């Protein structure tokens, strides 16, 4: 792949990603303001849109793995938030609360990205493969749009 090649995401996907940022910020702002029920409600659209983004990018390895990692990050973030709101963040099971349990999805997300950065990225044909995956997906989206 030419180093000057521009990598792009279809506009349809970018729009959903931008919406996701808004939802996530609202959820976290509610958490910071201690607005328990609005923050809890915002878990649903924030996580659903994150999963949608992951599904949309399933055919592009690099995007899929990063978005899957974000799904686990949001899950961890929400687990921690719930723990704080209900006093379950420490000492729920012995010395461990939801804050500590949130390390499980955080860890899974880190393992996914570790695999990407330590294994996949170093393969000789990886950049070309991602470029081909992206081009193929764009062709499929254009064909769907025409039909």
Protein backbone atom coordinates (compact mmCIF):
# COMPACT_ATOMS: atom_id res chain seq x y z
CA UNK A 1 0.00 0.00 0.00
CA UNK A 2 1.25 3.46 -0.90
CA UNK A 3 2.13 5.47 2.24
CA UNK A 4 0.29 8.45 0.71
CA UNK A 5 -3.00 6.53 0.55
CA UNK A 6 -5.74 8.24 2.51
CA UNK A 7 -7.62 5.95 4.85
CA UNK A 8 -11.26 6.83 5.17
CA UNK A 9 -14.40 5.66 6.88
CA UNK A 10 -17.73 5.81 5.04
CA UNK A 11 -19.77 8.91 5.95
CA UNK A 12 -22.64 6.69 7.10
CA UNK A 13 -20.35 5.19 9.75
CA UNK A 14 -18.77 8.52 10.73
CA UNK A 15 -22.20 10.00 11.43
CA UNK A 16 -23.00 7.18 13.86
CA UNK A 17 -19.58 7.58 15.52
CA UNK A 18 -20.23 11.28 16.03
CA UNK A 19 -23.62 10.51 17.59
CA UNK A 20 -21.89 8.02 19.85
CA UNK A 21 -19.53 10.70 21.14
CA UNK A 22 -22.52 12.87 22.05
CA UNK A 23 -24.26 10.01 23.90
CA UNK A 24 -21.10 9.06 25.78
CA UNK A 25 -20.48 12.66 26.83
CA UNK A 26 -24.06 13.02 28.08
CA UNK A 27 -23.74 9.78 30.07
CA UNK A 28 -20.45 10.83 31.64
CA UNK A 29 -21.65 14.39 32.32
CA UNK A 30 -24.68 12.96 34.13
CA UNK A 31 -22.32 10.73 36.12
CA UNK A 32 -20.08 13.68 37.02
CA UNK A 33 -23.13 15.72 38.06
CA UNK A 34 -24.39 12.76 40.13
CA UNK A 35 -27.60 12.57 38.07
CA UNK A 36 -28.11 8.89 38.78
CA UNK A 37 -31.18 8.03 36.70
CA UNK A 38 -30.33 10.04 33.57
CA UNK A 39 -26.82 8.53 33.66
CA UNK A 40 -28.22 5.01 34.08
CA UNK A 41 -30.68 5.60 31.24
CA UNK A 42 -27.86 6.83 28.97
CA UNK A 43 -26.07 3.48 29.33
CA UNK A 44 -28.60 1.94 26.95
CA UNK A 45 -28.20 4.20 23.90
CA UNK A 46 -24.46 4.66 24.49
CA UNK A 47 -23.77 0.93 24.58
CA UNK A 48 -26.22 0.09 21.78
CA UNK A 49 -24.66 2.64 19.43
CA UNK A 50 -21.17 1.37 20.35
CA UNK A 51 -22.25 -2.17 19.46
CA UNK A 52 -23.79 -0.89 16.20
CA UNK A 53 -20.49 0.77 15.29
CA UNK A 54 -18.64 -2.45 16.02
CA UNK A 55 -21.08 -4.37 13.83
CA UNK A 56 -20.78 -1.83 11.01
CA UNK A 57 -17.00 -2.11 10.98
CA UNK A 58 -16.86 -5.90 11.34
CA UNK A 59 -15.33 -6.29 7.85
CA UNK A 60 -12.36 -3.99 8.55
CA UNK A 61 -10.08 -5.74 11.03
CA UNK A 62 -8.39 -2.64 12.47
CA UNK A 63 -11.65 -0.74 12.96
CA UNK A 64 -13.48 -3.78 14.30
CA UNK A 65 -10.88 -4.54 16.96
CA UNK A 66 -10.68 -0.93 18.12
CA UNK A 67 -14.47 -0.65 18.29
CA UNK A 68 -14.77 -3.98 20.10
CA UNK A 69 -12.26 -2.68 22.62
CA UNK A 70 -14.40 0.47 23.02
CA UNK A 71 -17.44 -1.74 23.72
CA UNK A 72 -15.55 -3.30 26.62
CA UNK A 73 -14.31 0.12 27.76
CA UNK A 74 -17.87 1.46 27.91
CA UNK A 75 -19.01 -1.69 29.73
CA UNK A 76 -16.25 -1.17 32.30
CA UNK A 77 -17.07 2.52 32.56
CA UNK A 78 -20.76 1.76 33.16
CA UNK A 79 -19.95 -0.96 35.71
CA UNK A 80 -17.82 1.49 37.66
CA UNK A 81 -20.52 4.18 37.42
CA UNK A 82 -23.24 1.83 38.71
CA UNK A 83 -20.97 0.83 41.57
CA UNK A 84 -20.48 4.44 42.58
CA UNK A 85 -24.17 5.32 42.35
CA UNK A 86 -25.33 2.42 44.51
CA UNK A 87 -22.37 2.20 46.88
CA UNK A 88 -21.19 -1.03 45.33
CA UNK A 89 -17.89 0.34 44.10
CA UNK A 90 -15.91 -1.13 47.02
CA UNK A 91 -16.37 -4.09 49.31
CA UNK A 92 -19.20 -5.80 47.43
CA UNK A 93 -17.48 -9.20 47.50
CA UNK A 94 -14.85 -9.17 50.20
CA UNK A 95 -12.52 -6.28 49.43
CA UNK A 96 -13.73 -6.06 45.85
CA UNK A 97 -16.50 -3.90 44.47
CA UNK A 98 -17.71 -3.00 41.01
CA UNK A 99 -14.76 -0.66 40.55
CA UNK A 100 -12.43 -3.64 40.79
CA UNK A 101 -14.75 -5.84 38.71
CA UNK A 102 -14.68 -3.17 36.01
CA UNK A 103 -11.04 -4.16 35.50
CA UNK A 104 -12.27 -7.34 33.77
CA UNK A 105 -13.83 -5.57 30.75
CA UNK A 106 -11.02 -2.96 30.82
CA UNK A 107 -8.54 -5.86 30.69
CA UNK A 108 -10.37 -7.58 27.83
CA UNK A 109 -10.28 -4.33 25.84
CA UNK A 110 -6.56 -3.99 26.53
CA UNK A 111 -5.93 -7.59 25.45
CA UNK A 112 -7.76 -6.98 22.18
CA UNK A 113 -5.67 -3.88 21.47
CA UNK A 114 -2.51 -5.63 22.63
CA UNK A 115 -3.17 -8.34 20.06
CA UNK A 116 -3.74 -5.69 17.40
CA UNK A 117 -0.63 -3.62 18.18
CA UNK A 118 1.77 -6.40 19.12
CA UNK A 119 0.75 -9.08 16.61
CA UNK A 120 -1.43 -7.94 13.71
CA UNK A 121 0.18 -4.59 12.95
CA UNK A 122 3.57 -6.19 12.45
CA UNK A 123 2.44 -8.53 9.71
CA UNK A 124 3.88 -7.54 6.35
CA UNK A 125 0.59 -7.58 4.47
CA UNK A 126 -1.61 -6.12 7.23
CA UNK A 127 -1.82 -2.56 5.86
CA UNK A 128 -2.66 -3.86 2.40
CA UNK A 129 -5.29 -6.20 3.84
CA UNK A 130 -6.98 -3.38 5.79
CA UNK A 131 -6.90 -1.16 2.71
CA UNK A 132 -8.52 -3.94 0.63
CA UNK A 133 -11.14 -4.56 3.33
CA UNK A 134 -12.00 -0.87 3.40
CA UNK A 135 -12.25 -0.59 -0.37
CA UNK A 136 -14.45 -3.70 -0.55
CA UNK A 137 -16.77 -2.37 2.15
CA UNK A 138 -17.09 0.97 0.36
CA UNK A 139 -17.98 -0.84 -2.87
CA UNK A 140 -20.63 -2.88 -1.03
CA UNK A 141 -22.12 0.25 0.55
CA UNK A 142 -22.21 2.02 -2.81
CA UNK A 143 -23.92 -1.00 -4.41
CA UNK A 144 -26.49 -1.06 -1.59
CA UNK A 145 -27.10 2.66 -2.01
CA UNK A 146 -27.74 2.24 -5.75
CA UNK A 147 -30.25 -0.58 -5.17
